[in-house]
């Protein structure tokens, strides 16, 4: 299971660093990788059957939403059937990854390791985003031409997409600090892991991102 946990984290890293997974080749790798991991888990589960299957509570609404989108696509009532189909494929991939995460992240230590991974990765991506913002030359990663324009931040073509990433990652470090659940000797490093993504979110100047972050803070408080 440890190899599957590492593979899920690696796939998440790829999806973000590959320009946020918006290009066809990146989507193909991401979706294929999730499918391969699912079959590997199925083989492992069939051979060992060590634990029961866990169904996260978030799966039913996601599956229901996917069903609504699939109905629109099948009945051809979508404004863009092709875009609907590609987004259904991506949503199914996300559902598969959430399901796999529930199977391979079981113990408290597993989740602690995952949270440390999220905090460290968010810190690095935010640092890269700030560095790119300060030294921006009009190209992604300083060498990739943007043929269709955009206002990038970090690895993302759209700064609002980075804001969405930051909103998901910031609470992992910020909430334990606010609730006083961090050991004294770890407060500085956890605080740093929270502060840099917040600073990057502010520098991205995403209005929707700032509003969403404000709502998150109100919810936590």
C-alpha atoms as a PDB file:
ATOM      1  CA  UNK A   1       0.000   0.000   0.000  1.00  0.00           C
ATOM      2  CA  UNK A   2       2.909   2.364   0.619  1.00  0.00           C
ATOM      3  CA  UNK A   3       3.810   2.291  -3.068  1.00  0.00           C
ATOM      4  CA  UNK A   4       0.215   3.188  -3.956  1.00  0.00           C
ATOM      5  CA  UNK A   5       0.257   6.094  -1.512  1.00  0.00           C
ATOM      6  CA  UNK A   6       3.466   7.395  -3.075  1.00  0.00           C
ATOM      7  CA  UNK A   7       2.014   6.915  -6.576  1.00  0.00           C
ATOM      8  CA  UNK A   8      -1.129   8.904  -5.723  1.00  0.00           C
ATOM      9  CA  UNK A   9       1.002  11.765  -4.393  1.00  0.00           C
ATOM     10  CA  UNK A  10       3.210  11.618  -7.488  1.00  0.00           C
ATOM     11  CA  UNK A  11       0.162  11.780  -9.755  1.00  0.00           C
ATOM     12  CA  UNK A  12      -1.120  14.834  -7.884  1.00  0.00           C
ATOM     13  CA  UNK A  13       2.273  16.503  -8.254  1.00  0.00           C
ATOM     14  CA  UNK A  14       2.272  15.791 -11.988  1.00  0.00           C
ATOM     15  CA  UNK A  15      -1.236  17.165 -12.466  1.00  0.00           C
ATOM     16  CA  UNK A  16      -0.228  20.468 -10.886  1.00  0.00           C
ATOM     17  CA  UNK A  17       3.223  20.897 -12.393  1.00  0.00           C
ATOM     18  CA  UNK A  18       1.992  20.032 -15.909  1.00  0.00           C
ATOM     19  CA  UNK A  19       0.446  23.507 -16.183  1.00  0.00           C
ATOM     20  CA  UNK A  20      -2.417  22.472 -13.923  1.00  0.00           C
ATOM     21  CA  UNK A  21      -3.333  19.544 -16.159  1.00  0.00           C
ATOM     22  CA  UNK A  22      -5.256  21.634 -18.699  1.00  0.00           C
ATOM     23  CA  UNK A  23      -3.548  20.380 -21.863  1.00  0.00           C
ATOM     24  CA  UNK A  24      -4.645  17.213 -23.652  1.00  0.00           C
ATOM     25  CA  UNK A  25      -1.391  15.333 -23.091  1.00  0.00           C
ATOM     26  CA  UNK A  26      -1.396  16.150 -19.373  1.00  0.00           C
ATOM     27  CA  UNK A  27      -5.030  15.067 -18.992  1.00  0.00           C
ATOM     28  CA  UNK A  28      -4.273  11.822 -20.826  1.00  0.00           C
ATOM     29  CA  UNK A  29      -1.347  11.008 -18.515  1.00  0.00           C
ATOM     30  CA  UNK A  30      -3.335  11.960 -15.413  1.00  0.00           C
ATOM     31  CA  UNK A  31      -6.387   9.905 -16.340  1.00  0.00           C
ATOM     32  CA  UNK A  32      -4.343   6.919 -17.525  1.00  0.00           C
ATOM     33  CA  UNK A  33      -2.254   7.008 -14.340  1.00  0.00           C
ATOM     34  CA  UNK A  34      -5.358   6.967 -12.141  1.00  0.00           C
ATOM     35  CA  UNK A  35      -6.756   4.025 -14.111  1.00  0.00           C
ATOM     36  CA  UNK A  36      -3.527   2.054 -13.768  1.00  0.00           C
ATOM     37  CA  UNK A  37      -3.417   2.714 -10.015  1.00  0.00           C
ATOM     38  CA  UNK A  38      -7.013   1.525  -9.669  1.00  0.00           C
ATOM     39  CA  UNK A  39      -6.243  -1.771 -11.404  1.00  0.00           C
ATOM     40  CA  UNK A  40      -3.106  -2.247  -9.307  1.00  0.00           C
ATOM     41  CA  UNK A  41      -5.144  -1.724  -6.143  1.00  0.00           C
ATOM     42  CA  UNK A  42      -7.825  -4.142  -7.400  1.00  0.00           C
ATOM     43  CA  UNK A  43      -5.177  -6.811  -8.003  1.00  0.00           C
ATOM     44  CA  UNK A  44      -3.657  -6.220  -4.566  1.00  0.00           C
ATOM     45  CA  UNK A  45      -7.071  -6.329  -2.894  1.00  0.00           C
ATOM     46  CA  UNK A  46      -8.042  -9.489  -4.763  1.00  0.00           C
ATOM     47  CA  UNK A  47      -4.857 -11.260  -3.705  1.00  0.00           C
ATOM     48  CA  UNK A  48      -4.785 -10.186  -0.058  1.00  0.00           C
ATOM     49  CA  UNK A  49      -8.224  -8.939   1.051  1.00  0.00           C
ATOM     50  CA  UNK A  50      -6.653  -7.645   4.239  1.00  0.00           C
ATOM     51  CA  UNK A  51      -9.130  -4.811   4.825  1.00  0.00           C
ATOM     52  CA  UNK A  52     -12.692  -3.879   3.987  1.00  0.00           C
ATOM     53  CA  UNK A  53     -13.455  -1.404   1.234  1.00  0.00           C
ATOM     54  CA  UNK A  54     -14.076   2.137   2.493  1.00  0.00           C
ATOM     55  CA  UNK A  55     -16.582   4.413   0.748  1.00  0.00           C
ATOM     56  CA  UNK A  56     -15.945   8.085   1.635  1.00  0.00           C
ATOM     57  CA  UNK A  57     -19.021  10.165   2.382  1.00  0.00           C
ATOM     58  CA  UNK A  58     -18.073  12.604  -0.392  1.00  0.00           C
ATOM     59  CA  UNK A  59     -18.458   9.962  -3.119  1.00  0.00           C
ATOM     60  CA  UNK A  60     -22.296   9.838  -3.404  1.00  0.00           C
ATOM     61  CA  UNK A  61     -22.731  13.572  -4.216  1.00  0.00           C
ATOM     62  CA  UNK A  62     -19.813  13.416  -6.664  1.00  0.00           C
ATOM     63  CA  UNK A  63     -21.273  10.363  -8.383  1.00  0.00           C
ATOM     64  CA  UNK A  64     -24.693  12.052  -8.490  1.00  0.00           C
ATOM     65  CA  UNK A  65     -23.181  15.184 -10.035  1.00  0.00           C
ATOM     66  CA  UNK A  66     -21.362  13.014 -12.576  1.00  0.00           C
ATOM     67  CA  UNK A  67     -24.707  11.354 -13.379  1.00  0.00           C
ATOM     68  CA  UNK A  68     -26.307  14.742 -14.057  1.00  0.00           C
ATOM     69  CA  UNK A  69     -23.475  15.706 -16.400  1.00  0.00           C
ATOM     70  CA  UNK A  70     -23.613  12.312 -18.134  1.00  0.00           C
ATOM     71  CA  UNK A  71     -27.363  12.710 -18.665  1.00  0.00           C
ATOM     72  CA  UNK A  72     -26.838  16.104 -20.278  1.00  0.00           C
ATOM     73  CA  UNK A  73     -24.173  14.641 -22.547  1.00  0.00           C
ATOM     74  CA  UNK A  74     -26.233  11.597 -23.535  1.00  0.00           C
ATOM     75  CA  UNK A  75     -29.329  13.692 -24.294  1.00  0.00           C
ATOM     76  CA  UNK A  76     -27.195  16.263 -26.147  1.00  0.00           C
ATOM     77  CA  UNK A  77     -28.595  19.162 -24.131  1.00  0.00           C
ATOM     78  CA  UNK A  78     -25.159  20.422 -23.162  1.00  0.00           C
ATOM     79  CA  UNK A  79     -23.925  23.666 -24.706  1.00  0.00           C
ATOM     80  CA  UNK A  80     -20.699  21.852 -25.624  1.00  0.00           C
ATOM     81  CA  UNK A  81     -20.989  18.033 -25.745  1.00  0.00           C
ATOM     82  CA  UNK A  82     -17.259  17.561 -26.329  1.00  0.00           C
ATOM     83  CA  UNK A  83     -16.269  19.732 -23.357  1.00  0.00           C
ATOM     84  CA  UNK A  84     -18.889  17.977 -21.217  1.00  0.00           C
ATOM     85  CA  UNK A  85     -17.479  14.560 -22.117  1.00  0.00           C
ATOM     86  CA  UNK A  86     -13.892  15.552 -21.324  1.00  0.00           C
ATOM     87  CA  UNK A  87     -14.944  17.027 -17.975  1.00  0.00           C
ATOM     88  CA  UNK A  88     -16.928  13.881 -17.143  1.00  0.00           C
ATOM     89  CA  UNK A  89     -13.766  11.848 -17.768  1.00  0.00           C
ATOM     90  CA  UNK A  90     -11.800  14.165 -15.472  1.00  0.00           C
ATOM     91  CA  UNK A  91     -14.487  13.981 -12.772  1.00  0.00           C
ATOM     92  CA  UNK A  92     -14.485  10.189 -12.959  1.00  0.00           C
ATOM     93  CA  UNK A  93     -10.708  10.274 -12.560  1.00  0.00           C
ATOM     94  CA  UNK A  94     -11.062  12.443  -9.451  1.00  0.00           C
ATOM     95  CA  UNK A  95     -13.660  10.036  -8.044  1.00  0.00           C
ATOM     96  CA  UNK A  96     -11.292   7.120  -8.619  1.00  0.00           C
ATOM     97  CA  UNK A  97      -8.439   8.934  -6.853  1.00  0.00           C
ATOM     98  CA  UNK A  98     -10.626   9.850  -3.866  1.00  0.00           C
ATOM     99  CA  UNK A  99     -11.760   6.238  -3.628  1.00  0.00           C
ATOM    100  CA  UNK A 100      -8.178   4.966  -3.815  1.00  0.00           C
ATOM    101  CA  UNK A 101      -7.022   7.479  -1.200  1.00  0.00           C
ATOM    102  CA  UNK A 102      -9.669   6.165   1.190  1.00  0.00           C
ATOM    103  CA  UNK A 103      -8.352   2.625   0.688  1.00  0.00           C
ATOM    104  CA  UNK A 104      -4.631   3.287   1.081  1.00  0.00           C
ATOM    105  CA  UNK A 105      -4.674   6.091   3.684  1.00  0.00           C
ATOM    106  CA  UNK A 106      -6.118   4.246   6.677  1.00  0.00           C
ATOM    107  CA  UNK A 107      -4.103   5.008   9.794  1.00  0.00           C
ATOM    108  CA  UNK A 108      -3.460   8.312  11.541  1.00  0.00           C
ATOM    109  CA  UNK A 109       0.207   8.044  10.572  1.00  0.00           C
ATOM    110  CA  UNK A 110      -0.758   7.638   6.904  1.00  0.00           C
ATOM    111  CA  UNK A 111      -2.781  10.850   6.998  1.00  0.00           C
ATOM    112  CA  UNK A 112      -0.093  12.723   8.914  1.00  0.00           C
ATOM    113  CA  UNK A 113       2.404  11.827   6.206  1.00  0.00           C
ATOM    114  CA  UNK A 114      -0.050  13.004   3.555  1.00  0.00           C
ATOM    115  CA  UNK A 115      -0.629  16.327   5.351  1.00  0.00           C
ATOM    116  CA  UNK A 116       3.121  16.922   5.591  1.00  0.00           C
ATOM    117  CA  UNK A 117       3.374  16.196   1.870  1.00  0.00           C
ATOM    118  CA  UNK A 118       0.584  18.692   1.082  1.00  0.00           C
ATOM    119  CA  UNK A 119       2.138  21.413   3.241  1.00  0.00           C
ATOM    120  CA  UNK A 120       5.619  20.963   1.788  1.00  0.00           C
ATOM    121  CA  UNK A 121       4.393  20.783  -1.803  1.00  0.00           C
ATOM    122  CA  UNK A 122       2.156  23.842  -1.371  1.00  0.00           C
ATOM    123  CA  UNK A 123       5.128  25.702   0.108  1.00  0.00           C
ATOM    124  CA  UNK A 124       7.334  24.827  -2.883  1.00  0.00           C
ATOM    125  CA  UNK A 125       4.678  25.632  -5.508  1.00  0.00           C
ATOM    126  CA  UNK A 126       3.905  28.935  -3.783  1.00  0.00           C
ATOM    127  CA  UNK A 127       7.587  29.826  -3.620  1.00  0.00           C
ATOM    128  CA  UNK A 128       7.924  29.048  -7.318  1.00  0.00           C
ATOM    129  CA  UNK A 129       4.850  31.148  -8.075  1.00  0.00           C
ATOM    130  CA  UNK A 130       6.240  34.157  -6.199  1.00  0.00           C
ATOM    131  CA  UNK A 131       9.636  33.789  -7.885  1.00  0.00           C
ATOM    132  CA  UNK A 132       8.032  33.540 -11.327  1.00  0.00           C
ATOM    133  CA  UNK A 133       5.808  36.540 -10.587  1.00  0.00           C
ATOM    134  CA  UNK A 134       8.805  38.685  -9.646  1.00  0.00           C
ATOM    135  CA  UNK A 135      10.890  37.596 -12.657  1.00  0.00           C
ATOM    136  CA  UNK A 136       8.133  37.008 -15.218  1.00  0.00           C
ATOM    137  CA  UNK A 137       9.252  37.199 -18.863  1.00  0.00           C
ATOM    138  CA  UNK A 138       5.926  36.353 -20.470  1.00  0.00           C
ATOM    139  CA  UNK A 139       6.563  32.594 -20.561  1.00  0.00           C
ATOM    140  CA  UNK A 140       5.583  29.655 -18.363  1.00  0.00           C
ATOM    141  CA  UNK A 141       8.584  28.229 -16.548  1.00  0.00           C
ATOM    142  CA  UNK A 142      10.489  31.083 -18.248  1.00  0.00           C
ATOM    143  CA  UNK A 143      10.666  29.183 -21.556  1.00  0.00           C
ATOM    144  CA  UNK A 144       7.188  27.905 -22.525  1.00  0.00           C
ATOM    145  CA  UNK A 145       5.357  30.218 -24.941  1.00  0.00           C
ATOM    146  CA  UNK A 146       1.666  30.812 -24.208  1.00  0.00           C
ATOM    147  CA  UNK A 147      -0.030  30.700 -27.605  1.00  0.00           C
ATOM    148  CA  UNK A 148      -3.503  31.512 -26.260  1.00  0.00           C
ATOM    149  CA  UNK A 149      -2.550  34.181 -23.740  1.00  0.00           C
ATOM    150  CA  UNK A 150      -3.403  34.050 -20.058  1.00  0.00           C
ATOM    151  CA  UNK A 151      -2.293  35.466 -16.718  1.00  0.00           C
ATOM    152  CA  UNK A 152      -0.190  32.662 -15.224  1.00  0.00           C
ATOM    153  CA  UNK A 153       0.990  32.157 -11.683  1.00  0.00           C
ATOM    154  CA  UNK A 154       3.400  29.376 -10.797  1.00  0.00           C
ATOM    155  CA  UNK A 155       2.786  26.299 -12.949  1.00  0.00           C
ATOM    156  CA  UNK A 156      -0.789  27.375 -13.716  1.00  0.00           C
ATOM    157  CA  UNK A 157      -1.761  29.120 -16.941  1.00  0.00           C
ATOM    158  CA  UNK A 158      -4.590  30.868 -15.100  1.00  0.00           C
ATOM    159  CA  UNK A 159      -3.870  32.666 -11.838  1.00  0.00           C
ATOM    160  CA  UNK A 160      -7.380  31.791 -10.622  1.00  0.00           C
ATOM    161  CA  UNK A 161      -6.480  28.111 -10.875  1.00  0.00           C
ATOM    162  CA  UNK A 162      -3.492  28.716  -8.609  1.00  0.00           C
ATOM    163  CA  UNK A 163      -5.820  30.472  -6.179  1.00  0.00           C
ATOM    164  CA  UNK A 164      -7.999  27.356  -6.128  1.00  0.00           C
ATOM    165  CA  UNK A 165      -4.955  25.224  -5.349  1.00  0.00           C
ATOM    166  CA  UNK A 166      -3.909  27.597  -2.557  1.00  0.00           C
ATOM    167  CA  UNK A 167      -7.391  27.598  -1.015  1.00  0.00           C
ATOM    168  CA  UNK A 168      -7.275  23.794  -0.790  1.00  0.00           C
ATOM    169  CA  UNK A 169      -3.743  23.632   0.612  1.00  0.00           C
ATOM    170  CA  UNK A 170      -3.622  26.567   3.045  1.00  0.00           C
ATOM    171  CA  UNK A 171      -6.102  25.125   5.604  1.00  0.00           C
ATOM    172  CA  UNK A 172      -3.967  21.991   6.017  1.00  0.00           C
ATOM    173  CA  UNK A 173      -1.351  24.126   7.793  1.00  0.00           C
ATOM    174  CA  UNK A 174      -3.487  27.037   8.997  1.00  0.00           C
ATOM    175  CA  UNK A 175      -6.302  25.182  10.767  1.00  0.00           C
ATOM    176  CA  UNK A 176      -4.052  23.232  13.204  1.00  0.00           C
ATOM    177  CA  UNK A 177      -2.294  26.499  14.064  1.00  0.00           C
ATOM    178  CA  UNK A 178      -5.546  28.330  14.779  1.00  0.00           C
ATOM    179  CA  UNK A 179      -6.883  25.430  16.831  1.00  0.00           C
ATOM    180  CA  UNK A 180      -3.647  25.132  18.804  1.00  0.00           C
ATOM    181  CA  UNK A 181      -3.020  21.536  17.698  1.00  0.00           C
ATOM    182  CA  UNK A 182       0.633  22.040  16.733  1.00  0.00           C
ATOM    183  CA  UNK A 183       3.530  21.221  19.028  1.00  0.00           C
ATOM    184  CA  UNK A 184       5.531  24.205  20.208  1.00  0.00           C
ATOM    185  CA  UNK A 185       8.715  23.099  18.408  1.00  0.00           C
ATOM    186  CA  UNK A 186       6.807  22.762  15.124  1.00  0.00           C
ATOM    187  CA  UNK A 187       4.902  26.037  15.173  1.00  0.00           C
ATOM    188  CA  UNK A 188       7.531  27.989  13.233  1.00  0.00           C
ATOM    189  CA  UNK A 189       7.784  25.535  10.340  1.00  0.00           C
ATOM    190  CA  UNK A 190       4.008  24.993  10.161  1.00  0.00           C
ATOM    191  CA  UNK A 191       3.505  28.749  10.315  1.00  0.00           C
ATOM    192  CA  UNK A 192       5.929  29.152   7.418  1.00  0.00           C
ATOM    193  CA  UNK A 193       4.078  26.480   5.453  1.00  0.00           C
ATOM    194  CA  UNK A 194       0.878  28.494   5.951  1.00  0.00           C
ATOM    195  CA  UNK A 195       2.306  31.993   5.469  1.00  0.00           C
ATOM    196  CA  UNK A 196       4.006  31.546   2.093  1.00  0.00           C
ATOM    197  CA  UNK A 197       0.916  30.135   0.288  1.00  0.00           C
ATOM    198  CA  UNK A 198      -1.159  32.967   1.789  1.00  0.00           C
ATOM    199  CA  UNK A 199       1.357  35.484   0.472  1.00  0.00           C
ATOM    200  CA  UNK A 200       1.318  33.806  -2.946  1.00  0.00           C
ATOM    201  CA  UNK A 201      -2.485  33.882  -2.974  1.00  0.00           C
ATOM    202  CA  UNK A 202      -2.421  37.630  -2.288  1.00  0.00           C
ATOM    203  CA  UNK A 203       0.175  38.198  -5.017  1.00  0.00           C
ATOM    204  CA  UNK A 204      -1.879  36.231  -7.540  1.00  0.00           C
ATOM    205  CA  UNK A 205      -4.510  39.007  -7.269  1.00  0.00           C
ATOM    206  CA  UNK A 206      -7.336  36.561  -7.872  1.00  0.00           C
ATOM    207  CA  UNK A 207     -10.461  38.324  -6.618  1.00  0.00           C
ATOM    208  CA  UNK A 208     -12.440  35.111  -6.384  1.00  0.00           C
ATOM    209  CA  UNK A 209      -9.547  33.479  -4.563  1.00  0.00           C
ATOM    210  CA  UNK A 210      -9.367  36.282  -2.015  1.00  0.00           C
ATOM    211  CA  UNK A 211     -13.122  36.147  -1.385  1.00  0.00           C
ATOM    212  CA  UNK A 212     -13.009  32.363  -0.972  1.00  0.00           C
ATOM    213  CA  UNK A 213     -10.058  32.629   1.418  1.00  0.00           C
ATOM    214  CA  UNK A 214     -11.954  35.176   3.476  1.00  0.00           C
ATOM    215  CA  UNK A 215     -14.915  32.804   3.694  1.00  0.00           C
ATOM    216  CA  UNK A 216     -12.548  30.015   4.804  1.00  0.00           C
ATOM    217  CA  UNK A 217     -11.186  32.190   7.605  1.00  0.00           C
ATOM    218  CA  UNK A 218     -14.675  33.099   8.772  1.00  0.00           C
ATOM    219  CA  UNK A 219     -15.660  29.444   8.767  1.00  0.00           C
ATOM    220  CA  UNK A 220     -12.613  28.444  10.818  1.00  0.00           C
ATOM    221  CA  UNK A 221     -13.081  31.294  13.299  1.00  0.00           C
END
